[in-house]
Amino acid sequence: MAIQKKVLIVDDDPNLVKSLTFVLSKEGYATDSSADGEEALIKINDFKPDIVFLDIMMPKKNGYEVCQELKANPKTSDIHIVMLTAKGQGIDRAKAMDSKADEFFTKPFSPIMIVGRLRELFS
């Protein structure tokens, strides 16, 4: 039996968290969520996700800070990080890549696209 892949959704928009959690759970992924950057870092240590969907604009710590901390730590540097933002300007994409994010998605996005991308990553 395959090991269930874990996905952490970090966003302060409860509707986005709810819809992604629903779609990913239906696909068989173990999910957890966090509404701010500080809580996300705690959950990452406990939950040990394979991938993190990380909003950029959040309370306490923004997505750039969380991403930089995760990528600088040898225990978490291999977690695949997808930055999420409502701001799709080139500068935002560049900052996400500078913080060592693996990918960058602009909101709104299709949950079907997310599922397809996860299938590619985990196949």
C-alpha atoms as a PDB file:
ATOM      1  CA  MET A   1       0.000   0.000   0.000  1.00  0.00           C
ATOM      2  CA  ALA A   2       1.309   3.448  -0.947  1.00  0.00           C
ATOM      3  CA  ILE A   3       2.169   5.902   1.789  1.00  0.00           C
ATOM      4  CA  GLN A   4      -0.359   8.732   1.950  1.00  0.00           C
ATOM      5  CA  LYS A   5       1.176  12.034   0.851  1.00  0.00           C
ATOM      6  CA  LYS A   6       0.755  14.988   3.218  1.00  0.00           C
ATOM      7  CA  VAL A   7      -0.224  18.495   2.124  1.00  0.00           C
ATOM      8  CA  LEU A   8      -0.200  21.581   4.352  1.00  0.00           C
ATOM      9  CA  ILE A   9      -2.312  24.535   3.208  1.00  0.00           C
ATOM     10  CA  VAL A  10      -1.168  27.842   4.698  1.00  0.00           C
ATOM     11  CA  ASP A  11      -3.540  30.711   3.941  1.00  0.00           C
ATOM     12  CA  ASP A  12      -5.553  33.235   5.936  1.00  0.00           C
ATOM     13  CA  ASP A  13      -8.531  32.888   3.553  1.00  0.00           C
ATOM     14  CA  PRO A  14     -10.793  30.264   5.151  1.00  0.00           C
ATOM     15  CA  ASN A  15     -12.732  29.704   1.900  1.00  0.00           C
ATOM     16  CA  LEU A  16      -9.571  28.839  -0.030  1.00  0.00           C
ATOM     17  CA  VAL A  17      -8.407  26.520   2.760  1.00  0.00           C
ATOM     18  CA  LYS A  18     -11.804  24.819   2.884  1.00  0.00           C
ATOM     19  CA  SER A  19     -12.017  24.263  -0.893  1.00  0.00           C
ATOM     20  CA  LEU A  20      -8.438  22.992  -1.235  1.00  0.00           C
ATOM     21  CA  THR A  21      -8.824  20.728   1.805  1.00  0.00           C
ATOM     22  CA  PHE A  22     -12.037  19.272   0.347  1.00  0.00           C
ATOM     23  CA  VAL A  23     -10.568  18.593  -3.095  1.00  0.00           C
ATOM     24  CA  LEU A  24      -7.267  17.188  -1.813  1.00  0.00           C
ATOM     25  CA  SER A  25      -8.927  14.979   0.815  1.00  0.00           C
ATOM     26  CA  LYS A  26     -11.193  13.540  -1.894  1.00  0.00           C
ATOM     27  CA  GLU A  27      -8.044  12.702  -3.875  1.00  0.00           C
ATOM     28  CA  GLY A  28      -6.634  10.771  -0.921  1.00  0.00           C
ATOM     29  CA  TYR A  29      -4.117  13.276   0.431  1.00  0.00           C
ATOM     30  CA  ALA A  30      -3.695  13.834   4.169  1.00  0.00           C
ATOM     31  CA  THR A  31      -4.241  17.557   4.728  1.00  0.00           C
ATOM     32  CA  ASP A  32      -3.753  20.074   7.479  1.00  0.00           C
ATOM     33  CA  SER A  33      -3.954  23.853   7.440  1.00  0.00           C
ATOM     34  CA  SER A  34      -2.701  26.976   9.116  1.00  0.00           C
ATOM     35  CA  ALA A  35      -3.875  30.596   8.968  1.00  0.00           C
ATOM     36  CA  ASP A  36      -0.568  32.353   9.694  1.00  0.00           C
ATOM     37  CA  GLY A  37       3.148  31.934   9.189  1.00  0.00           C
ATOM     38  CA  GLU A  38       4.134  31.257  12.805  1.00  0.00           C
ATOM     39  CA  GLU A  39       1.534  28.506  13.196  1.00  0.00           C
ATOM     40  CA  ALA A  40       2.636  27.066   9.840  1.00  0.00           C
ATOM     41  CA  LEU A  41       6.201  26.561  11.071  1.00  0.00           C
ATOM     42  CA  ILE A  42       4.923  24.692  14.148  1.00  0.00           C
ATOM     43  CA  LYS A  43       2.589  22.520  12.067  1.00  0.00           C
ATOM     44  CA  ILE A  44       5.342  21.729   9.573  1.00  0.00           C
ATOM     45  CA  ASN A  45       7.505  20.318  12.362  1.00  0.00           C
ATOM     46  CA  ASP A  46       4.616  18.201  13.711  1.00  0.00           C
ATOM     47  CA  PHE A  47       2.815  17.207  10.473  1.00  0.00           C
ATOM     48  CA  LYS A  48       5.927  16.831   8.267  1.00  0.00           C
ATOM     49  CA  PRO A  49       4.188  17.552   4.936  1.00  0.00           C
ATOM     50  CA  ASP A  50       5.510  16.519   1.538  1.00  0.00           C
ATOM     51  CA  ILE A  51       4.274  19.775   0.016  1.00  0.00           C
ATOM     52  CA  VAL A  52       3.192  23.162   1.377  1.00  0.00           C
ATOM     53  CA  PHE A  53       0.855  25.560  -0.382  1.00  0.00           C
ATOM     54  CA  LEU A  54       1.988  28.849   1.128  1.00  0.00           C
ATOM     55  CA  ASP A  55       0.174  32.174   0.826  1.00  0.00           C
ATOM     56  CA  ILE A  56       2.477  35.188   0.633  1.00  0.00           C
ATOM     57  CA  MET A  57       0.420  37.815   2.468  1.00  0.00           C
ATOM     58  CA  MET A  58      -0.345  36.452   5.951  1.00  0.00           C
ATOM     59  CA  PRO A  59      -0.345  37.633   9.544  1.00  0.00           C
ATOM     60  CA  LYS A  60       2.612  37.129  11.925  1.00  0.00           C
ATOM     61  CA  LYS A  61       5.080  35.857   9.279  1.00  0.00           C
ATOM     62  CA  ASN A  62       4.612  36.260   5.553  1.00  0.00           C
ATOM     63  CA  GLY A  63       5.107  33.458   3.063  1.00  0.00           C
ATOM     64  CA  TYR A  64       8.542  34.694   1.989  1.00  0.00           C
ATOM     65  CA  GLU A  65       9.823  34.512   5.583  1.00  0.00           C
ATOM     66  CA  VAL A  66       8.327  31.050   6.151  1.00  0.00           C
ATOM     67  CA  CYS A  67       9.761  29.758   2.876  1.00  0.00           C
ATOM     68  CA  GLN A  68      13.240  31.111   3.627  1.00  0.00           C
ATOM     69  CA  GLU A  69      13.218  29.513   7.095  1.00  0.00           C
ATOM     70  CA  LEU A  70      12.100  26.147   5.714  1.00  0.00           C
ATOM     71  CA  LYS A  71      14.658  26.110   2.899  1.00  0.00           C
ATOM     72  CA  ALA A  72      17.488  27.167   5.260  1.00  0.00           C
ATOM     73  CA  ASN A  73      16.774  24.294   7.668  1.00  0.00           C
ATOM     74  CA  PRO A  74      18.264  20.918   6.586  1.00  0.00           C
ATOM     75  CA  LYS A  75      15.312  19.091   8.214  1.00  0.00           C
ATOM     76  CA  THR A  76      12.750  20.937   6.056  1.00  0.00           C
ATOM     77  CA  SER A  77      14.703  22.073   2.994  1.00  0.00           C
ATOM     78  CA  ASP A  78      13.392  19.217   0.826  1.00  0.00           C
ATOM     79  CA  ILE A  79       9.703  20.116   1.343  1.00  0.00           C
ATOM     80  CA  HIS A  80       8.192  21.215  -1.971  1.00  0.00           C
ATOM     81  CA  ILE A  81       6.843  24.765  -1.540  1.00  0.00           C
ATOM     82  CA  VAL A  82       4.242  26.322  -3.810  1.00  0.00           C
ATOM     83  CA  MET A  83       3.769  30.038  -3.139  1.00  0.00           C
ATOM     84  CA  LEU A  84       0.216  31.359  -3.593  1.00  0.00           C
ATOM     85  CA  THR A  85      -0.619  34.992  -4.184  1.00  0.00           C
ATOM     86  CA  ALA A  86      -3.350  37.258  -5.454  1.00  0.00           C
ATOM     87  CA  LYS A  87      -0.595  39.539  -6.770  1.00  0.00           C
ATOM     88  CA  GLY A  88       0.746  38.082  -9.996  1.00  0.00           C
ATOM     89  CA  GLN A  89       3.304  40.761 -10.894  1.00  0.00           C
ATOM     90  CA  GLY A  90       6.763  39.739 -12.005  1.00  0.00           C
ATOM     91  CA  ILE A  91       8.303  41.231  -8.869  1.00  0.00           C
ATOM     92  CA  ASP A  92       6.197  38.887  -6.703  1.00  0.00           C
ATOM     93  CA  ARG A  93       7.282  35.860  -8.721  1.00  0.00           C
ATOM     94  CA  ALA A  94      10.919  36.971  -8.477  1.00  0.00           C
ATOM     95  CA  LYS A  95      10.649  37.432  -4.688  1.00  0.00           C
ATOM     96  CA  ALA A  96       9.065  33.967  -4.361  1.00  0.00           C
ATOM     97  CA  MET A  97      11.880  32.403  -6.340  1.00  0.00           C
ATOM     98  CA  ASP A  98      14.477  34.401  -4.339  1.00  0.00           C
ATOM     99  CA  SER A  99      13.014  32.927  -1.157  1.00  0.00           C
ATOM    100  CA  LYS A 100      13.687  29.479  -2.715  1.00  0.00           C
ATOM    101  CA  ALA A 101      10.064  28.540  -3.449  1.00  0.00           C
ATOM    102  CA  ASP A 102       9.742  25.608  -5.835  1.00  0.00           C
ATOM    103  CA  GLU A 103       6.694  26.973  -7.656  1.00  0.00           C
ATOM    104  CA  PHE A 104       4.412  30.012  -7.793  1.00  0.00           C
ATOM    105  CA  PHE A 105       0.640  30.028  -8.464  1.00  0.00           C
ATOM    106  CA  THR A 106      -1.478  33.144  -8.900  1.00  0.00           C
ATOM    107  CA  LYS A 107      -4.944  33.249  -7.321  1.00  0.00           C
ATOM    108  CA  PRO A 108      -7.561  32.471  -8.365  1.00  0.00           C
ATOM    109  CA  PHE A 109      -6.495  29.037  -9.534  1.00  0.00           C
ATOM    110  CA  SER A 110      -8.389  25.883 -10.343  1.00  0.00           C
ATOM    111  CA  PRO A 111      -8.419  23.126  -7.705  1.00  0.00           C
ATOM    112  CA  ILE A 112      -8.331  20.685 -10.648  1.00  0.00           C
ATOM    113  CA  MET A 113      -5.031  22.275 -11.738  1.00  0.00           C
ATOM    114  CA  ILE A 114      -3.666  21.781  -8.197  1.00  0.00           C
ATOM    115  CA  VAL A 115      -4.686  18.102  -8.194  1.00  0.00           C
ATOM    116  CA  GLY A 116      -3.080  17.628 -11.612  1.00  0.00           C
ATOM    117  CA  ARG A 117       0.141  19.233 -10.444  1.00  0.00           C
ATOM    118  CA  LEU A 118       0.247  17.019  -7.325  1.00  0.00           C
ATOM    119  CA  ARG A 119      -0.239  13.921  -9.467  1.00  0.00           C
ATOM    120  CA  GLU A 120       2.752  15.009 -11.589  1.00  0.00           C
ATOM    121  CA  LEU A 121       4.915  15.646  -8.515  1.00  0.00           C
ATOM    122  CA  PHE A 122       4.074  12.402  -6.762  1.00  0.00           C
ATOM    123  CA  SER A 123       4.079  10.014  -9.743  1.00  0.00           C
END
